[in-house]
Amino acid sequence: MKKRLTPQQEFEIMKLVLDKFLWIGFFLIVFGLYKMLEKGITDGAYYMLAGIIVLFLFLYIIVKEYEVIAR
């Protein structure tokens, strides 16, 4: 038998998961900046692009979740 989560419990779990997306995206952007300074623009740009994609994914998930809550 499955237990249902309360809205507060769902929100706490969502915060934990989305926090990881935010940290990973930020880390990739900072690492890309480090690589740009160390080796060259091209090497670091790929890491920064990956970080930007992760952060846009984070943004999409948050907007989608708020649309569900708003209805």
C-alpha atoms as a PDB file:
ATOM      1  CA  MET A   1       0.000   0.000   0.000  1.00  0.00           C
ATOM      2  CA  LYS A   2       1.417   3.376  -1.021  1.00  0.00           C
ATOM      3  CA  LYS A   3       1.290   6.345   1.299  1.00  0.00           C
ATOM      4  CA  ARG A   4       0.266   9.750  -0.007  1.00  0.00           C
ATOM      5  CA  LEU A   5       2.497  12.730   0.670  1.00  0.00           C
ATOM      6  CA  THR A   6       1.103  15.947   2.008  1.00  0.00           C
ATOM      7  CA  PRO A   7       1.667  19.077  -0.095  1.00  0.00           C
ATOM      8  CA  GLN A   8       4.251  20.242   2.462  1.00  0.00           C
ATOM      9  CA  GLN A   9       6.190  16.966   2.169  1.00  0.00           C
ATOM     10  CA  GLU A  10       6.089  17.165  -1.640  1.00  0.00           C
ATOM     11  CA  PHE A  11       7.404  20.732  -1.477  1.00  0.00           C
ATOM     12  CA  GLU A  12      10.288  19.737   0.818  1.00  0.00           C
ATOM     13  CA  ILE A  13      11.316  16.896  -1.513  1.00  0.00           C
ATOM     14  CA  MET A  14      11.075  19.192  -4.543  1.00  0.00           C
ATOM     15  CA  LYS A  15      13.308  21.741  -2.774  1.00  0.00           C
ATOM     16  CA  LEU A  16      15.957  19.082  -2.134  1.00  0.00           C
ATOM     17  CA  VAL A  17      15.974  17.910  -5.751  1.00  0.00           C
ATOM     18  CA  LEU A  18      15.918  21.368  -7.334  1.00  0.00           C
ATOM     19  CA  ASP A  19      18.658  22.584  -5.014  1.00  0.00           C
ATOM     20  CA  LYS A  20      20.966  19.993  -6.587  1.00  0.00           C
ATOM     21  CA  PHE A  21      20.164  21.301 -10.090  1.00  0.00           C
ATOM     22  CA  LEU A  22      21.062  24.803  -8.944  1.00  0.00           C
ATOM     23  CA  TRP A  23      24.387  23.721  -7.416  1.00  0.00           C
ATOM     24  CA  ILE A  24      25.372  21.619 -10.444  1.00  0.00           C
ATOM     25  CA  GLY A  25      24.565  24.442 -12.872  1.00  0.00           C
ATOM     26  CA  PHE A  26      26.473  26.994 -10.803  1.00  0.00           C
ATOM     27  CA  PHE A  27      29.458  24.643 -10.461  1.00  0.00           C
ATOM     28  CA  LEU A  28      29.595  24.040 -14.223  1.00  0.00           C
ATOM     29  CA  ILE A  29      29.548  27.768 -14.955  1.00  0.00           C
ATOM     30  CA  VAL A  30      32.318  28.489 -12.431  1.00  0.00           C
ATOM     31  CA  PHE A  31      34.379  25.539 -13.695  1.00  0.00           C
ATOM     32  CA  GLY A  32      33.904  26.798 -17.256  1.00  0.00           C
ATOM     33  CA  LEU A  33      35.150  30.227 -16.205  1.00  0.00           C
ATOM     34  CA  TYR A  34      38.197  28.593 -14.602  1.00  0.00           C
ATOM     35  CA  LYS A  35      38.892  26.602 -17.783  1.00  0.00           C
ATOM     36  CA  MET A  36      38.537  29.767 -19.874  1.00  0.00           C
ATOM     37  CA  LEU A  37      41.161  31.513 -17.785  1.00  0.00           C
ATOM     38  CA  GLU A  38      43.458  28.488 -17.732  1.00  0.00           C
ATOM     39  CA  LYS A  39      43.338  27.079 -21.279  1.00  0.00           C
ATOM     40  CA  GLY A  40      41.216  29.162 -23.579  1.00  0.00           C
ATOM     41  CA  ILE A  41      37.792  30.434 -24.409  1.00  0.00           C
ATOM     42  CA  THR A  42      36.665  27.386 -26.369  1.00  0.00           C
ATOM     43  CA  ASP A  43      37.417  24.839 -23.641  1.00  0.00           C
ATOM     44  CA  GLY A  44      35.587  26.763 -20.943  1.00  0.00           C
ATOM     45  CA  ALA A  45      32.669  27.780 -23.129  1.00  0.00           C
ATOM     46  CA  TYR A  46      31.438  24.185 -23.369  1.00  0.00           C
ATOM     47  CA  TYR A  47      31.308  23.864 -19.581  1.00  0.00           C
ATOM     48  CA  MET A  48      29.569  27.209 -19.253  1.00  0.00           C
ATOM     49  CA  LEU A  49      27.051  26.212 -21.922  1.00  0.00           C
ATOM     50  CA  ALA A  50      26.335  22.982 -20.030  1.00  0.00           C
ATOM     51  CA  GLY A  51      25.800  24.983 -16.835  1.00  0.00           C
ATOM     52  CA  ILE A  52      23.430  27.358 -18.607  1.00  0.00           C
ATOM     53  CA  ILE A  53      21.446  24.411 -19.981  1.00  0.00           C
ATOM     54  CA  VAL A  54      21.166  22.903 -16.479  1.00  0.00           C
ATOM     55  CA  LEU A  55      19.961  26.231 -15.078  1.00  0.00           C
ATOM     56  CA  PHE A  56      17.374  26.605 -17.848  1.00  0.00           C
ATOM     57  CA  LEU A  57      16.187  23.076 -17.065  1.00  0.00           C
ATOM     58  CA  PHE A  58      15.917  24.185 -13.424  1.00  0.00           C
ATOM     59  CA  LEU A  59      13.886  27.222 -14.534  1.00  0.00           C
ATOM     60  CA  TYR A  60      11.573  25.060 -16.671  1.00  0.00           C
ATOM     61  CA  ILE A  61      10.900  22.636 -13.815  1.00  0.00           C
ATOM     62  CA  ILE A  62      10.094  25.458 -11.388  1.00  0.00           C
ATOM     63  CA  VAL A  63       7.743  27.214 -13.817  1.00  0.00           C
ATOM     64  CA  LYS A  64       6.006  23.930 -14.630  1.00  0.00           C
ATOM     65  CA  GLU A  65       5.572  23.122 -10.927  1.00  0.00           C
ATOM     66  CA  TYR A  66       4.164  26.563 -10.141  1.00  0.00           C
ATOM     67  CA  GLU A  67       1.696  26.260 -13.033  1.00  0.00           C
ATOM     68  CA  VAL A  68       0.397  23.028 -11.515  1.00  0.00           C
ATOM     69  CA  ILE A  69       0.092  24.624  -8.064  1.00  0.00           C
ATOM     70  CA  ALA A  70      -1.622  27.740  -9.425  1.00  0.00           C
ATOM     71  CA  ARG A  71      -4.435  25.752 -11.041  1.00  0.00           C
END
